[in-house]
Amino acid sequence: MANKRWFQVGVAVLLTLLIIYMFMEVKTIFSPLVIIGQTIFMPLLIGGVLFYLARPLQKWLESMKFPRWASIISVFIAIGLIGWGFYALVGPPLTKQVNSLVENTPEIVKEIGDFTKYTISQRDRLTDLPEPIQNTIKEATGKIDTIAAVAGSLLVKFVQSVFQGVFLLVLVPFFLVYMLKDHEKFAPFVAKFFKGDKKTWIRKTLSDVDDTLRSYIQGQLFVSFLVGVMLFIGYFAIGLKYALLLALFGMMMNVVPFLGPYIALVPALIIALLQEPKMAIYVAIIMLVSQQIESNFITPNVMGKSLDIHPLTVITIILAAGNIAGLWGIILGVPTYAVVKSILKNIYVHREGIKDAATESI
């Protein structure tokens, strides 16, 4: 029985659950490690993203006979120049729009409040609407205070995260330097603990994981950039206020699979409704067109089928990961699933190869 695969899998699952249970019971012992992990998580994540974005440039420079140290310095110079160019091009109008939004926030909040009060006052007159729609409107208006409280809490947490992020960004260059310097040593370091076919399998699995992360990070950020450009062109063309700010927000939210575009649409619709009600229709059309172009033309050509994840699977992952880990779960759920899928695929291929070899030897 011990040689049966179902028995081995069952024992592995039970041992994993037992380890998790024991870890939860003695978590106070590991609390320093948890604190260290939380401290380095953000700079390590940002450093990893920058590494995958900078690695093509580093490879090209080294193919031009640049030594490793010179390629790393050149990468940092390129990042600095890109950051300076972005700030010089986008900084002044973006700062102007942010200041304008801050100055007009009380008026915007007042207009939203007036609109909400008007909606509530007209609620009892909506007798001609079907009963399900009336119930939906009553439930929505009855939860306005709760929604406002949650939004305020999220805003406070966002501001705190910004300050913490600025502080932790000091560590990012250090992670990036060592990733650029020693990234080829990671796979050999892990593989040296194995021999024979297992060593080859470990090297291939790590290579596939690296390809998965590279494809996702480079592809997703490039697609998000193009979506941001399309949104800015559309918003600017219709004369929407804070067009650059809203387009940048849409670009950042596009990193979140499936839910990102809907999140980005909300503030744009609010600004459009307050500016001119019919402009909200234009905003919705712009978002719809940009998402159709992105999903049907840009993403297939940029990312191809490197991840090969069904849309229903993406939705399920986002919902589950969001309940488990909140916003970070939503952002990291899909790439984590892609990495795990790549590892399991290699395990399956390896096992099938062993089985075929055993069959041939009989």
Protein backbone atom coordinates (compact mmCIF):
# COMPACT_ATOMS: atom_id res chain seq x y z
CA MET A 1 0.00 0.00 0.00
CA ALA A 2 2.87 2.37 0.76
CA ASN A 3 3.84 2.28 -2.92
CA LYS A 4 0.38 3.38 -4.12
CA ARG A 5 0.29 6.94 -5.40
CA TRP A 6 -3.04 7.76 -3.73
CA PHE A 7 -1.60 6.65 -0.38
CA GLN A 8 1.53 8.78 -0.84
CA VAL A 9 -0.55 11.81 -1.84
CA GLY A 10 -2.84 11.33 1.15
CA VAL A 11 0.10 11.10 3.56
CA ALA A 12 1.67 14.21 2.00
CA VAL A 13 -1.59 16.16 2.41
CA LEU A 14 -2.00 15.05 6.03
CA LEU A 15 1.60 15.95 6.85
CA THR A 16 1.17 19.37 5.22
CA LEU A 17 -1.99 20.05 7.23
CA LEU A 18 -0.23 18.88 10.40
CA ILE A 19 2.71 21.21 9.75
CA ILE A 20 0.35 24.14 9.15
CA TYR A 21 -1.55 23.32 12.35
CA MET A 22 1.64 23.09 14.41
CA PHE A 23 2.88 26.34 12.90
CA MET A 24 -0.36 28.09 13.91
CA GLU A 25 -0.09 26.68 17.44
CA VAL A 26 3.47 27.90 17.97
CA LYS A 27 3.26 31.02 15.81
CA THR A 28 4.64 33.21 18.60
CA ILE A 29 7.98 31.45 18.19
CA PHE A 30 8.07 32.34 14.50
CA SER A 31 6.74 35.89 14.94
CA PRO A 32 10.21 37.46 14.43
CA LEU A 33 10.53 35.60 11.13
CA VAL A 34 7.04 36.79 10.12
CA ILE A 35 7.99 40.40 10.93
CA ILE A 36 11.20 40.09 8.90
CA GLY A 37 9.24 38.59 6.01
CA GLN A 38 6.69 41.41 6.08
CA THR A 39 9.49 43.98 6.19
CA ILE A 40 11.34 42.69 3.14
CA PHE A 41 8.26 41.60 1.16
CA MET A 42 7.55 44.94 -0.52
CA PRO A 43 11.13 45.89 -1.50
CA LEU A 44 11.77 42.31 -2.62
CA LEU A 45 8.63 42.36 -4.76
CA ILE A 46 9.47 45.73 -6.34
CA GLY A 47 13.08 44.66 -6.82
CA GLY A 48 11.90 41.48 -8.55
CA VAL A 49 9.60 43.41 -10.89
CA LEU A 50 12.40 45.84 -11.78
CA PHE A 51 14.75 42.90 -12.29
CA TYR A 52 12.51 41.28 -14.89
CA LEU A 53 12.00 44.64 -16.60
CA ALA A 54 15.73 45.41 -16.62
CA ARG A 55 17.05 41.96 -17.52
CA PRO A 56 16.50 42.30 -21.30
CA LEU A 57 18.58 45.49 -21.26
CA GLN A 58 21.27 43.80 -19.19
CA LYS A 59 21.41 40.82 -21.57
CA TRP A 60 21.70 43.14 -24.56
CA LEU A 61 24.49 45.15 -22.93
CA GLU A 62 26.40 42.00 -22.03
CA SER A 63 25.98 40.71 -25.58
CA MET A 64 27.73 43.96 -26.60
CA LYS A 65 30.71 42.87 -24.43
CA PHE A 66 29.80 44.98 -21.39
CA PRO A 67 31.16 43.44 -18.16
CA ARG A 68 28.63 42.57 -15.48
CA TRP A 69 29.36 45.58 -13.26
CA ALA A 70 29.13 47.96 -16.24
CA SER A 71 25.79 46.47 -17.32
CA ILE A 72 24.39 46.90 -13.79
CA ILE A 73 25.51 50.53 -13.61
CA SER A 74 24.04 51.13 -17.07
CA VAL A 75 20.74 49.60 -15.97
CA PHE A 76 20.55 51.95 -12.98
CA ILE A 77 21.42 54.91 -15.20
CA ALA A 78 18.67 53.87 -17.63
CA ILE A 79 16.14 53.52 -14.79
CA GLY A 80 17.13 56.96 -13.50
CA LEU A 81 16.82 58.54 -16.95
CA ILE A 82 13.43 56.91 -17.56
CA GLY A 83 12.21 58.07 -14.14
CA TRP A 84 13.50 61.60 -14.76
CA GLY A 85 11.97 61.69 -18.25
CA PHE A 86 8.63 60.45 -16.95
CA TYR A 87 8.64 63.05 -14.20
CA ALA A 88 9.66 65.84 -16.58
CA LEU A 89 6.94 64.87 -19.06
CA VAL A 90 4.11 63.88 -16.74
CA GLY A 91 5.05 65.45 -13.41
CA PRO A 92 3.90 69.08 -13.91
CA PRO A 93 0.45 68.33 -15.40
CA LEU A 94 -0.07 65.46 -12.97
CA THR A 95 0.83 67.65 -9.99
CA LYS A 96 -1.53 70.32 -11.27
CA GLN A 97 -4.39 67.85 -11.61
CA VAL A 98 -3.74 66.34 -8.16
CA ASN A 99 -3.71 69.79 -6.55
CA SER A 100 -6.89 70.70 -8.39
CA LEU A 101 -8.56 67.49 -7.27
CA VAL A 102 -7.53 68.10 -3.65
CA GLU A 103 -8.85 71.67 -3.77
CA ASN A 104 -12.13 70.55 -5.32
CA THR A 105 -12.62 67.50 -3.11
CA PRO A 106 -15.00 69.27 -0.66
CA GLU A 107 -17.15 70.44 -3.56
CA ILE A 108 -17.10 66.99 -5.16
CA VAL A 109 -18.08 65.36 -1.85
CA LYS A 110 -20.89 67.92 -1.45
CA GLU A 111 -22.21 67.23 -4.95
CA ILE A 112 -22.12 63.49 -4.34
CA GLY A 113 -23.98 64.03 -1.06
CA ASP A 114 -26.59 66.19 -2.78
CA PHE A 115 -27.02 63.61 -5.52
CA THR A 116 -27.38 60.86 -2.90
CA LYS A 117 -29.95 62.83 -0.93
CA TYR A 118 -31.90 63.53 -4.10
CA THR A 119 -31.83 59.82 -4.97
CA ILE A 120 -33.10 58.92 -1.51
CA SER A 121 -35.83 61.57 -1.67
CA GLN A 122 -36.98 60.20 -5.03
CA ARG A 123 -36.85 56.60 -3.89
CA ASP A 124 -40.52 56.45 -2.93
CA ARG A 125 -41.56 57.78 -6.34
CA LEU A 126 -40.01 54.87 -8.19
CA THR A 127 -43.19 52.85 -8.00
CA ASP A 128 -43.33 52.17 -11.72
CA LEU A 129 -40.08 50.21 -11.67
CA PRO A 130 -40.11 46.43 -11.27
CA GLU A 131 -39.97 45.27 -7.67
CA PRO A 132 -36.47 43.70 -7.92
CA ILE A 133 -35.02 47.04 -9.12
CA GLN A 134 -36.81 48.93 -6.34
CA ASN A 135 -35.40 46.52 -3.74
CA THR A 136 -31.89 46.91 -5.18
CA ILE A 137 -32.14 50.72 -5.01
CA LYS A 138 -33.41 50.61 -1.41
CA GLU A 139 -30.61 48.28 -0.34
CA ALA A 140 -27.98 50.42 -2.06
CA THR A 141 -29.19 53.69 -0.56
CA GLY A 142 -29.49 52.06 2.85
CA LYS A 143 -25.80 51.14 2.79
CA ILE A 144 -24.40 54.53 1.79
CA ASP A 145 -23.09 55.29 5.29
CA THR A 146 -21.38 51.91 5.47
CA ILE A 147 -19.79 52.37 2.05
CA ALA A 148 -18.56 55.84 3.01
CA ALA A 149 -17.02 54.49 6.23
CA VAL A 150 -15.28 51.67 4.38
CA ALA A 151 -14.01 54.11 1.73
CA GLY A 152 -12.61 56.38 4.45
CA SER A 153 -10.87 53.45 6.13
CA LEU A 154 -9.37 52.34 2.82
CA LEU A 155 -8.13 55.88 2.17
CA VAL A 156 -6.37 56.00 5.56
CA LYS A 157 -4.78 52.61 4.93
CA PHE A 158 -3.69 53.74 1.46
CA VAL A 159 -1.97 56.83 2.87
CA GLN A 160 -0.22 54.73 5.51
CA SER A 161 0.91 52.27 2.85
CA VAL A 162 2.32 55.11 0.74
CA PHE A 163 4.49 56.38 3.60
CA GLN A 164 5.63 52.86 4.47
CA GLY A 165 6.37 52.18 0.82
CA VAL A 166 8.51 55.30 0.50
CA PHE A 167 10.50 54.23 3.55
CA LEU A 168 10.96 50.67 2.32
CA LEU A 169 11.99 51.74 -1.19
CA VAL A 170 15.44 52.38 0.25
CA LEU A 171 15.96 48.61 0.20
CA VAL A 172 14.88 48.15 -3.41
CA PRO A 173 18.21 49.12 -5.06
CA PHE A 174 20.08 46.61 -2.88
CA PHE A 175 17.79 43.75 -3.89
CA LEU A 176 17.96 44.80 -7.53
CA VAL A 177 21.77 44.95 -7.55
CA TYR A 178 22.16 41.45 -6.18
CA MET A 179 19.47 40.05 -8.46
CA LEU A 180 21.19 41.50 -11.52
CA LYS A 181 24.59 40.37 -10.27
CA ASP A 182 23.88 36.80 -9.14
CA HIS A 183 20.63 35.68 -10.80
CA GLU A 184 22.39 32.92 -12.79
CA LYS A 185 23.71 31.37 -9.58
CA PHE A 186 20.31 30.60 -8.05
CA ALA A 187 19.36 27.55 -10.15
CA PRO A 188 22.83 25.88 -9.84
CA PHE A 189 22.78 26.54 -6.08
CA VAL A 190 19.44 24.75 -5.67
CA ALA A 191 20.31 21.96 -8.14
CA LYS A 192 23.61 21.09 -6.45
CA PHE A 193 21.68 19.33 -3.67
CA PHE A 194 20.37 16.79 -6.21
CA LYS A 195 21.95 14.31 -8.60
CA GLY A 196 21.19 12.68 -11.93
CA ASP A 197 17.74 13.11 -13.45
CA LYS A 198 16.44 15.01 -10.42
CA LYS A 199 19.14 17.63 -10.87
CA THR A 200 18.18 18.07 -14.53
CA TRP A 201 14.50 18.23 -13.59
CA ILE A 202 15.15 20.89 -10.93
CA ARG A 203 17.06 23.04 -13.42
CA LYS A 204 14.28 22.73 -16.02
CA THR A 205 11.53 23.47 -13.47
CA LEU A 206 13.29 26.58 -12.21
CA SER A 207 13.82 27.69 -15.81
CA ASP A 208 10.10 27.25 -16.56
CA VAL A 209 9.14 29.18 -13.41
CA ASP A 210 11.51 31.95 -14.44
CA ASP A 211 9.97 32.07 -17.93
CA THR A 212 6.46 32.19 -16.42
CA LEU A 213 7.30 35.11 -14.13
CA ARG A 214 9.15 36.93 -16.90
CA SER A 215 6.26 36.55 -19.36
CA TYR A 216 3.67 37.66 -16.83
CA ILE A 217 5.53 40.66 -15.39
CA GLN A 218 6.89 42.04 -18.65
CA GLY A 219 3.69 41.35 -20.56
CA GLN A 220 1.25 42.58 -17.92
CA LEU A 221 3.10 45.86 -17.29
CA PHE A 222 3.49 46.57 -21.00
CA VAL A 223 -0.20 45.85 -21.62
CA SER A 224 -1.17 48.08 -18.68
CA PHE A 225 0.97 50.88 -20.09
CA LEU A 226 -0.76 50.65 -23.47
CA VAL A 227 -4.18 50.63 -21.77
CA GLY A 228 -3.21 53.77 -19.84
CA VAL A 229 -2.19 55.50 -23.07
CA MET A 230 -5.50 54.58 -24.73
CA LEU A 231 -7.48 55.82 -21.74
CA PHE A 232 -5.59 59.11 -21.67
CA ILE A 233 -6.17 59.69 -25.38
CA GLY A 234 -9.88 58.95 -24.97
CA TYR A 235 -10.36 61.03 -21.81
CA PHE A 236 -8.39 63.94 -23.26
CA ALA A 237 -10.37 63.81 -26.49
CA ILE A 238 -13.73 64.18 -24.70
CA GLY A 239 -12.40 66.89 -22.38
CA LEU A 240 -12.72 64.90 -19.14
CA LYS A 241 -11.25 66.63 -16.08
CA TYR A 242 -8.23 64.98 -14.45
CA ALA A 243 -7.72 62.92 -17.62
CA LEU A 244 -4.05 62.17 -16.92
CA LEU A 245 -4.67 61.26 -13.29
CA LEU A 246 -7.57 58.96 -14.16
CA ALA A 247 -5.60 57.34 -17.00
CA LEU A 248 -2.67 56.63 -14.66
CA PHE A 249 -5.09 55.14 -12.13
CA GLY A 250 -6.57 52.98 -14.89
CA MET A 251 -3.08 51.87 -15.93
CA MET A 252 -2.23 50.81 -12.36
CA MET A 253 -5.55 49.05 -11.83
CA ASN A 254 -5.13 47.10 -15.06
CA VAL A 255 -2.42 45.13 -13.27
CA VAL A 256 -5.23 43.54 -11.25
CA PRO A 257 -6.68 40.81 -13.49
CA PHE A 258 -10.37 40.99 -14.42
CA LEU A 259 -11.44 43.36 -11.61
CA GLY A 260 -8.97 46.16 -12.35
CA PRO A 261 -10.84 47.80 -15.26
CA TYR A 262 -14.08 47.91 -13.26
CA ILE A 263 -12.29 49.53 -10.31
CA ALA A 264 -10.69 52.09 -12.64
CA LEU A 265 -14.06 52.91 -14.21
CA VAL A 266 -15.70 54.03 -10.94
CA PRO A 267 -13.79 57.31 -10.30
CA ALA A 268 -13.87 58.18 -14.00
CA LEU A 269 -17.65 57.77 -14.06
CA ILE A 270 -18.06 59.88 -10.92
CA ILE A 271 -15.97 62.73 -12.34
CA ALA A 272 -17.83 62.50 -15.66
CA LEU A 273 -21.26 62.57 -13.98
CA LEU A 274 -20.32 65.63 -11.93
CA GLN A 275 -18.80 67.38 -14.93
CA GLU A 276 -21.58 66.56 -17.40
CA PRO A 277 -23.94 63.56 -17.06
CA LYS A 278 -23.81 62.53 -20.72
CA MET A 279 -20.00 62.39 -20.52
CA ALA A 280 -20.35 59.27 -18.35
CA ILE A 281 -21.60 57.45 -21.45
CA TYR A 282 -18.47 58.50 -23.34
CA VAL A 283 -16.27 57.32 -20.45
CA ALA A 284 -17.98 53.94 -20.41
CA ILE A 285 -17.55 53.61 -24.17
CA ILE A 286 -13.84 54.54 -23.95
CA MET A 287 -13.24 51.95 -21.24
CA LEU A 288 -15.18 49.31 -23.18
CA VAL A 289 -13.28 49.97 -26.42
CA SER A 290 -9.88 50.01 -24.68
CA GLN A 291 -10.62 46.72 -22.92
CA GLN A 292 -11.79 45.10 -26.14
CA ILE A 293 -8.63 46.20 -27.93
CA GLU A 294 -6.51 45.02 -25.01
CA SER A 295 -8.15 41.60 -24.66
CA ASN A 296 -8.50 40.81 -28.37
CA PHE A 297 -5.38 42.36 -29.92
CA ILE A 298 -2.75 43.56 -27.44
CA THR A 299 -2.67 40.77 -24.85
CA PRO A 300 -2.70 37.85 -27.35
CA ASN A 301 0.21 39.40 -29.26
CA VAL A 302 2.23 40.56 -26.25
CA MET A 303 1.71 37.69 -23.81
CA GLY A 304 0.54 35.01 -26.20
CA LYS A 305 -0.50 31.83 -24.41
CA SER A 306 2.41 31.79 -22.00
CA LEU A 307 0.11 31.46 -19.00
CA ASP A 308 -2.76 29.59 -20.71
CA ILE A 309 -5.26 30.18 -17.89
CA HIS A 310 -8.99 30.04 -18.57
CA PRO A 311 -10.91 33.25 -17.71
CA LEU A 312 -13.21 31.33 -15.35
CA THR A 313 -10.13 30.05 -13.53
CA VAL A 314 -8.82 33.63 -13.25
CA ILE A 315 -12.09 34.79 -11.69
CA THR A 316 -12.08 31.89 -9.22
CA ILE A 317 -8.45 32.57 -8.26
CA ILE A 318 -9.12 36.27 -7.71
CA LEU A 319 -12.16 35.63 -5.52
CA ALA A 320 -10.41 32.97 -3.45
CA ALA A 321 -7.10 34.82 -3.13
CA GLY A 322 -8.89 38.06 -2.30
CA ASN A 323 -10.73 36.41 0.59
CA ILE A 324 -7.51 34.84 1.85
CA ALA A 325 -5.01 37.69 1.47
CA GLY A 326 -6.99 40.79 0.52
CA LEU A 327 -5.57 43.15 -2.08
CA TRP A 328 -2.22 41.36 -2.28
CA GLY A 329 -4.03 38.12 -2.91
CA ILE A 330 -5.92 39.71 -5.81
CA ILE A 331 -2.70 41.08 -7.33
CA LEU A 332 -0.47 38.04 -6.77
CA GLY A 333 -3.04 35.26 -7.05
CA VAL A 334 -2.80 34.73 -10.81
CA PRO A 335 1.02 34.74 -11.12
CA THR A 336 1.25 32.46 -8.07
CA TYR A 337 -1.21 30.07 -9.67
CA ALA A 338 0.79 30.19 -12.92
CA VAL A 339 4.00 29.33 -11.06
CA VAL A 340 2.36 26.45 -9.17
CA LYS A 341 0.82 25.20 -12.41
CA SER A 342 4.24 25.24 -14.10
CA ILE A 343 5.77 23.25 -11.23
CA LEU A 344 2.94 20.68 -11.20
CA LYS A 345 3.19 20.33 -14.98
CA ASN A 346 6.89 19.52 -14.68
CA ILE A 347 6.18 17.02 -11.90
CA TYR A 348 3.59 15.29 -14.09
CA VAL A 349 5.94 15.16 -17.10
CA HIS A 350 8.76 13.84 -14.90
CA ARG A 351 6.57 11.10 -13.43
CA GLU A 352 5.27 10.09 -16.84
CA GLY A 353 8.85 9.90 -18.10
CA ILE A 354 9.82 7.63 -15.21
CA LYS A 355 6.75 5.44 -15.86
CA ASP A 356 7.55 5.17 -19.59
CA ALA A 357 11.15 4.29 -18.84
CA ALA A 358 10.05 1.59 -16.42
CA THR A 359 7.63 0.18 -19.00
CA GLU A 360 10.32 0.03 -21.69
CA SER A 361 12.72 -1.78 -19.37
CA ILE A 362 10.21 -4.57 -18.71
